[in-house]
Every structure is written in structure tokens, then in C-alpha cells.
N, C-alpha and C. Protein backbone atom coordinates (compact mmCIF):
# COMPACT_ATOMS: atom_id res chain seq x y z
N MET A 1 0.85 -1.13 0.01
CA MET A 1 0.02 0.00 -0.11
C MET A 1 0.90 1.25 0.10
N ASN A 2 0.51 2.21 -0.78
CA ASN A 2 1.18 3.46 -0.96
C ASN A 2 0.66 4.32 0.14
N PRO A 3 1.64 4.83 0.96
CA PRO A 3 1.29 5.77 2.21
C PRO A 3 0.63 6.96 1.82
N VAL A 4 0.67 7.49 0.66
CA VAL A 4 0.14 8.89 0.24
C VAL A 4 -1.52 8.33 -0.07
N GLN A 5 -1.64 7.18 -0.75
CA GLN A 5 -2.99 6.78 -0.99
C GLN A 5 -3.68 6.52 0.33
N PHE A 6 -3.02 5.97 1.25
CA PHE A 6 -3.51 5.59 2.63
C PHE A 6 -3.99 6.86 3.29
N TYR A 7 -3.13 7.76 3.41
CA TYR A 7 -3.43 9.02 4.11
C TYR A 7 -4.44 9.79 3.41
N LYS A 8 -4.48 9.89 2.06
CA LYS A 8 -5.49 10.52 1.38
C LYS A 8 -6.81 10.05 1.64
N CYS A 9 -7.09 8.64 1.72
CA CYS A 9 -8.26 7.93 2.05
C CYS A 9 -8.76 8.43 3.43
N LEU A 10 -7.80 8.70 4.44
CA LEU A 10 -8.09 8.94 5.72
C LEU A 10 -8.43 10.47 6.05
N SER A 11 -8.23 11.25 4.80
CA SER A 11 -8.32 12.73 5.09
C SER A 11 -9.79 13.23 4.97
N ASP A 12 -10.72 12.47 4.70
CA ASP A 12 -12.06 12.88 4.91
C ASP A 12 -12.72 12.46 6.15
N GLU A 13 -13.27 13.34 6.87
CA GLU A 13 -13.78 12.95 8.30
C GLU A 13 -14.73 11.78 8.30
N THR A 14 -15.71 11.68 7.27
CA THR A 14 -16.78 10.61 7.28
C THR A 14 -16.02 9.28 7.00
N ARG A 15 -14.95 9.22 6.01
CA ARG A 15 -14.10 8.06 5.79
C ARG A 15 -13.46 7.59 7.16
N LEU A 16 -12.79 8.62 7.87
CA LEU A 16 -12.13 8.28 8.87
C LEU A 16 -12.93 7.77 10.01
N ARG A 17 -14.14 8.45 10.24
CA ARG A 17 -15.13 7.87 11.27
C ARG A 17 -15.59 6.48 10.97
N CYS A 18 -15.85 6.31 9.83
CA CYS A 18 -16.21 4.85 9.29
C CYS A 18 -15.19 3.95 9.67
N LEU A 19 -13.88 4.01 9.24
CA LEU A 19 -12.79 3.40 9.59
C LEU A 19 -12.58 3.04 10.89
N MET A 20 -12.71 4.04 11.77
CA MET A 20 -12.52 4.02 13.17
C MET A 20 -13.49 3.28 13.86
N LEU A 21 -14.89 3.45 13.42
CA LEU A 21 -15.98 2.70 14.02
C LEU A 21 -15.80 1.08 13.60
N ILE A 22 -15.42 0.96 12.44
CA ILE A 22 -15.35 -0.55 11.91
C ILE A 22 -14.14 -1.19 12.61
N GLU A 23 -13.12 -0.54 12.95
CA GLU A 23 -11.96 -0.87 13.60
C GLU A 23 -12.39 -1.28 15.06
N HIS A 24 -13.12 -0.47 15.61
CA HIS A 24 -13.70 -0.70 17.10
C HIS A 24 -14.56 -1.77 17.10
N GLU A 25 -15.45 -1.93 16.20
CA GLU A 25 -16.44 -2.90 16.26
C GLU A 25 -16.21 -4.21 15.51
N GLY A 26 -15.09 -4.26 14.76
CA GLY A 26 -14.88 -5.46 13.98
C GLY A 26 -15.38 -5.51 12.63
N GLU A 27 -16.66 -5.31 12.52
CA GLU A 27 -17.30 -5.19 11.37
C GLU A 27 -18.71 -4.44 11.46
N LEU A 28 -19.12 -3.64 10.53
CA LEU A 28 -20.44 -3.05 10.65
C LEU A 28 -21.16 -2.93 9.11
N CYS A 29 -22.36 -2.91 9.13
CA CYS A 29 -23.02 -2.83 7.74
C CYS A 29 -23.48 -1.22 7.66
N VAL A 30 -23.95 -0.78 6.40
CA VAL A 30 -24.22 0.54 5.96
C VAL A 30 -25.15 1.03 7.00
N CYS A 31 -26.25 0.21 7.35
CA CYS A 31 -27.41 0.80 8.17
C CYS A 31 -26.74 1.07 9.54
N GLU A 32 -25.88 0.36 10.08
CA GLU A 32 -25.17 0.78 11.39
C GLU A 32 -24.32 1.91 11.25
N LEU A 33 -23.52 2.17 10.15
CA LEU A 33 -22.82 3.31 10.02
C LEU A 33 -23.65 4.53 9.77
N THR A 34 -24.70 4.53 9.15
CA THR A 34 -25.80 5.36 8.88
C THR A 34 -26.25 5.94 10.17
N GLU A 35 -26.68 5.05 11.04
CA GLU A 35 -27.19 5.33 12.36
C GLU A 35 -26.16 5.97 13.22
N ALA A 36 -24.94 5.38 13.20
CA ALA A 36 -23.82 6.05 14.05
C ALA A 36 -23.35 7.35 13.71
N LEU A 37 -23.36 7.55 12.50
CA LEU A 37 -22.73 8.75 11.85
C LEU A 37 -23.94 9.98 11.63
N ASP A 38 -25.17 9.39 11.72
CA ASP A 38 -26.28 10.36 11.50
C ASP A 38 -26.15 10.93 10.05
N GLU A 39 -25.88 10.04 9.09
CA GLU A 39 -25.70 10.58 7.65
C GLU A 39 -26.58 9.74 6.88
N SER A 40 -26.84 10.16 5.58
CA SER A 40 -27.58 9.39 4.63
C SER A 40 -26.96 8.19 4.17
N GLN A 41 -27.88 7.31 3.73
CA GLN A 41 -27.28 6.00 3.27
C GLN A 41 -26.39 6.13 1.96
N PRO A 42 -26.89 6.98 1.00
CA PRO A 42 -25.94 7.19 -0.14
C PRO A 42 -24.50 7.79 0.27
N LYS A 43 -24.62 8.61 1.12
CA LYS A 43 -23.24 9.32 1.64
C LYS A 43 -22.38 8.21 2.04
N ILE A 44 -22.87 7.44 3.06
CA ILE A 44 -22.14 6.52 3.61
C ILE A 44 -21.57 5.40 2.58
N SER A 45 -22.62 4.97 1.80
CA SER A 45 -22.18 3.87 0.74
C SER A 45 -21.02 4.43 -0.19
N ARG A 46 -21.21 5.68 -0.62
CA ARG A 46 -20.27 6.42 -1.37
C ARG A 46 -18.79 6.29 -0.79
N HIS A 47 -18.76 6.62 0.58
CA HIS A 47 -17.44 6.70 1.15
C HIS A 47 -17.00 5.20 1.43
N LEU A 48 -17.92 4.22 1.62
CA LEU A 48 -17.47 2.79 1.85
C LEU A 48 -16.94 2.41 0.53
N ALA A 49 -17.34 2.88 -0.54
CA ALA A 49 -16.89 2.33 -1.89
C ALA A 49 -15.52 3.03 -2.10
N GLN A 50 -15.29 4.22 -1.60
CA GLN A 50 -13.95 4.72 -1.80
C GLN A 50 -12.92 3.87 -0.87
N LEU A 51 -13.32 3.61 0.25
CA LEU A 51 -12.54 2.83 1.09
C LEU A 51 -12.18 1.49 0.78
N ARG A 52 -13.08 0.78 0.04
CA ARG A 52 -12.86 -0.43 -0.58
C ARG A 52 -11.83 -0.29 -1.83
N GLN A 53 -12.06 0.81 -2.67
CA GLN A 53 -11.15 1.11 -3.87
C GLN A 53 -9.87 1.40 -3.26
N CYS A 54 -9.52 2.03 -1.95
CA CYS A 54 -8.25 2.28 -1.54
C CYS A 54 -7.79 0.96 -1.02
N GLU A 55 -8.47 -0.06 -0.86
CA GLU A 55 -8.22 -1.52 -0.31
C GLU A 55 -7.95 -1.39 1.31
N LEU A 56 -8.91 -0.39 1.96
CA LEU A 56 -8.62 -0.41 3.23
C LEU A 56 -9.58 -1.14 3.96
N LEU A 57 -10.75 -1.47 3.15
CA LEU A 57 -11.88 -2.39 3.76
C LEU A 57 -12.08 -3.56 2.71
N ILE A 58 -12.66 -4.50 3.34
CA ILE A 58 -13.25 -5.55 2.50
C ILE A 58 -14.76 -5.74 3.00
N ASP A 59 -15.55 -6.39 2.08
CA ASP A 59 -16.84 -6.64 2.57
C ASP A 59 -17.34 -8.13 2.32
N ARG A 60 -18.44 -8.43 2.97
CA ARG A 60 -18.94 -9.73 2.93
C ARG A 60 -20.42 -9.61 2.97
N LYS A 61 -21.19 -10.49 2.12
CA LYS A 61 -22.58 -10.49 2.13
C LYS A 61 -23.14 -11.62 2.81
N GLN A 62 -24.06 -11.31 3.65
CA GLN A 62 -24.76 -12.18 4.42
C GLN A 62 -26.16 -12.03 4.42
N GLY A 63 -26.89 -12.79 3.51
CA GLY A 63 -28.38 -12.31 3.31
C GLY A 63 -28.43 -11.06 2.60
N GLN A 64 -29.31 -10.28 3.24
CA GLN A 64 -29.40 -8.93 2.56
C GLN A 64 -28.55 -7.87 2.96
N TRP A 65 -27.60 -8.28 3.97
CA TRP A 65 -26.65 -7.41 4.43
C TRP A 65 -25.24 -7.46 3.89
N VAL A 66 -24.77 -6.43 3.78
CA VAL A 66 -23.15 -6.28 3.44
C VAL A 66 -22.61 -5.74 4.56
N TYR A 67 -21.52 -6.61 5.07
CA TYR A 67 -20.67 -6.10 6.34
C TYR A 67 -19.29 -5.77 5.63
N TYR A 68 -18.78 -4.61 6.32
CA TYR A 68 -17.53 -4.12 6.13
C TYR A 68 -16.59 -4.27 7.28
N GLN A 69 -15.33 -4.61 6.98
CA GLN A 69 -14.25 -4.80 7.97
C GLN A 69 -12.99 -4.31 7.36
N ILE A 70 -12.09 -4.23 8.32
CA ILE A 70 -10.70 -3.60 7.93
C ILE A 70 -10.08 -4.77 7.01
N ASN A 71 -9.41 -4.40 6.01
CA ASN A 71 -8.72 -5.54 5.20
C ASN A 71 -7.60 -6.12 5.82
N PRO A 72 -7.74 -7.36 6.10
CA PRO A 72 -6.56 -7.97 6.94
C PRO A 72 -5.34 -8.13 6.09
N SER A 73 -5.46 -7.91 4.83
CA SER A 73 -4.11 -7.83 3.99
C SER A 73 -3.37 -6.49 4.11
N LEU A 74 -3.86 -5.49 4.91
CA LEU A 74 -3.19 -4.35 5.06
C LEU A 74 -1.80 -4.55 5.66
N PRO A 75 -0.84 -3.68 5.23
CA PRO A 75 0.46 -3.82 5.84
C PRO A 75 0.36 -3.46 7.35
N SER A 76 1.28 -4.05 8.10
CA SER A 76 1.25 -3.88 9.62
C SER A 76 1.36 -2.52 10.02
N TRP A 77 2.04 -1.64 9.26
CA TRP A 77 2.27 -0.23 9.63
C TRP A 77 0.78 0.36 9.55
N ALA A 78 0.00 0.08 8.48
CA ALA A 78 -1.31 0.56 8.29
C ALA A 78 -2.33 0.26 9.23
N LYS A 79 -2.26 -1.07 9.74
CA LYS A 79 -3.13 -1.59 10.69
C LYS A 79 -2.73 -0.83 12.06
N SER A 80 -1.47 -0.67 12.20
CA SER A 80 -1.07 -0.03 13.51
C SER A 80 -1.58 1.38 13.60
N VAL A 81 -1.36 2.10 12.64
CA VAL A 81 -2.02 3.41 12.55
C VAL A 81 -3.43 3.59 12.84
N LEU A 82 -4.08 2.64 12.32
CA LEU A 82 -5.74 2.58 12.65
C LEU A 82 -5.91 2.37 14.06
N GLN A 83 -5.24 1.28 14.57
CA GLN A 83 -5.49 1.01 15.99
C GLN A 83 -5.01 1.94 16.92
N GLN A 84 -3.81 2.62 16.71
CA GLN A 84 -3.29 3.72 17.48
C GLN A 84 -4.30 5.00 17.49
N THR A 85 -4.63 5.33 16.21
CA THR A 85 -5.57 6.30 16.23
C THR A 85 -6.70 6.00 17.00
N ASN A 86 -7.35 4.91 16.87
CA ASN A 86 -8.63 4.53 17.84
C ASN A 86 -8.27 4.54 19.33
N ASP A 87 -7.11 3.95 19.63
CA ASP A 87 -6.75 3.90 21.15
C ASP A 87 -6.51 5.36 21.68
N ALA A 88 -5.98 6.26 20.86
CA ALA A 88 -5.55 7.55 21.37
C ALA A 88 -6.65 8.69 21.23
N ASN A 89 -7.82 8.21 20.61
CA ASN A 89 -8.87 9.27 20.39
C ASN A 89 -10.25 8.72 20.46
N GLN A 90 -10.34 8.13 21.80
CA GLN A 90 -11.59 7.48 22.06
C GLN A 90 -12.71 8.49 22.18
N THR A 91 -12.53 9.67 22.79
CA THR A 91 -13.65 10.60 22.76
C THR A 91 -14.14 11.15 21.26
N PHE A 92 -13.36 10.92 20.37
CA PHE A 92 -13.69 11.29 18.99
C PHE A 92 -14.80 10.58 18.52
N LEU A 93 -15.07 9.26 18.87
CA LEU A 93 -16.19 8.36 18.54
C LEU A 93 -17.23 8.32 19.58
N LYS A 94 -17.06 9.05 20.57
CA LYS A 94 -18.07 8.87 21.63
C LYS A 94 -19.41 9.05 21.40
N GLU A 95 -19.77 10.13 20.55
CA GLU A 95 -21.09 10.41 20.21
C GLU A 95 -21.70 9.26 19.15
N ASN A 96 -20.69 8.94 18.22
CA ASN A 96 -21.03 7.95 17.21
C ASN A 96 -21.31 6.49 17.83
N LEU A 97 -20.50 6.17 18.82
CA LEU A 97 -20.81 4.90 19.58
C LEU A 97 -22.14 4.92 20.34
N ALA A 98 -22.41 6.00 20.91
CA ALA A 98 -23.60 6.12 21.60
C ALA A 98 -24.80 5.93 20.71
N ASN A 99 -24.82 6.62 19.52
CA ASN A 99 -25.83 6.50 18.57
C ASN A 99 -25.88 5.05 18.15
N LEU A 100 -24.84 4.36 17.88
CA LEU A 100 -24.84 2.87 17.57
C LEU A 100 -25.62 2.09 18.68
N SER A 101 -25.14 2.37 19.90
CA SER A 101 -25.81 1.49 20.87
C SER A 101 -27.19 1.73 21.19
N ARG A 102 -27.76 2.95 20.81
CA ARG A 102 -29.10 3.11 20.87
C ARG A 102 -30.05 2.67 19.65
N MET A 103 -29.18 2.18 18.76
CA MET A 103 -29.84 1.56 17.40
C MET A 103 -30.55 0.31 17.85
N GLY A 104 -31.81 0.36 17.45
CA GLY A 104 -32.61 -0.95 17.73
C GLY A 104 -32.58 -1.67 16.47
N ASP A 105 -32.86 -2.93 16.47
CA ASP A 105 -32.99 -3.74 15.35
C ASP A 105 -31.76 -3.97 14.55
N ARG A 106 -30.63 -4.04 15.23
CA ARG A 106 -29.40 -4.12 14.46
C ARG A 106 -29.26 -5.51 13.75
N PRO A 107 -28.65 -5.75 12.58
CA PRO A 107 -28.62 -7.15 11.98
C PRO A 107 -27.86 -8.05 12.85
N ASN A 108 -28.26 -9.29 12.73
CA ASN A 108 -27.49 -10.34 13.41
C ASN A 108 -26.60 -10.83 12.61
N ARG A 109 -25.48 -11.13 13.09
CA ARG A 109 -24.29 -11.68 12.29
C ARG A 109 -24.18 -13.23 12.68
N VAL A 110 -23.95 -14.01 11.58
CA VAL A 110 -23.84 -15.35 11.70
C VAL A 110 -22.37 -15.45 12.23
N ALA A 111 -22.18 -16.22 13.24
CA ALA A 111 -20.63 -16.40 13.75
C ALA A 111 -20.00 -17.20 12.80
N THR A 112 -18.65 -16.77 12.43
CA THR A 112 -17.93 -17.43 11.54
C THR A 112 -17.14 -18.62 12.25
N CYS A 113 -16.97 -19.65 11.70
CA CYS A 113 -16.35 -20.85 12.29
C CYS A 113 -15.19 -21.23 11.52
N CYS A 114 -14.18 -21.79 12.29
CA CYS A 114 -13.15 -22.48 11.71
C CYS A 114 -12.32 -21.38 10.93
């Protein structure tokens, strides 16, 4: 991964918040991010598409839901940046995490096995 591309992808607040929330939660779907960020579905979907294009996220389909998670193939330095950013800035996502916790009817994830 090119560091310039990596940091350009992080330069937008919505994309950064999406990444940090996904890093914090492990994986999230569009409806959860829409609720957490109090943004429209098209806006969130557009930013998620950009993050996939930057290869920062991968997705998986489960029924009607598409879940996004941090790309496990990211270089260790990139994973470390995301984790350290989350660890050092917990108040940055406080309101978003509160919104997410108040969300009713969150999709159920099937536990992955093996």
C-alpha cells in the first residue's frame, strides 16, 4: 500500500469515522454506520466504496446485509496506524458509539467458524 494513498483515504472525516468505527466494532453494515454517523445511506455507501477502492476495507455479504471490515491484508504499519488512532482518540467517536448503541434492530451476524 502506498502511504500517500492511505493518508488521502483517511483525510475525509466521514471516511475516517467509518474506519475507526469498523476498527472498534470489528465489522459494521451500512445501516449501522448510517445510524452511528447520522448521515444518509448514499453518502455512507459512497465513502465505503472509496475505502474499498483504496483497499482499506473488504466486505462480505450475508443475506440482505453487506458487512465491512478492515482489510486483513493491510500492511502492519497501516493496521497499527488505525489501531493507535482509535486507542488515542476514544472521545472522537463517543457520540457515534452512543448512537450505535441506541440503534434498535441491528442485523444479526452469523458467527464465523473455523
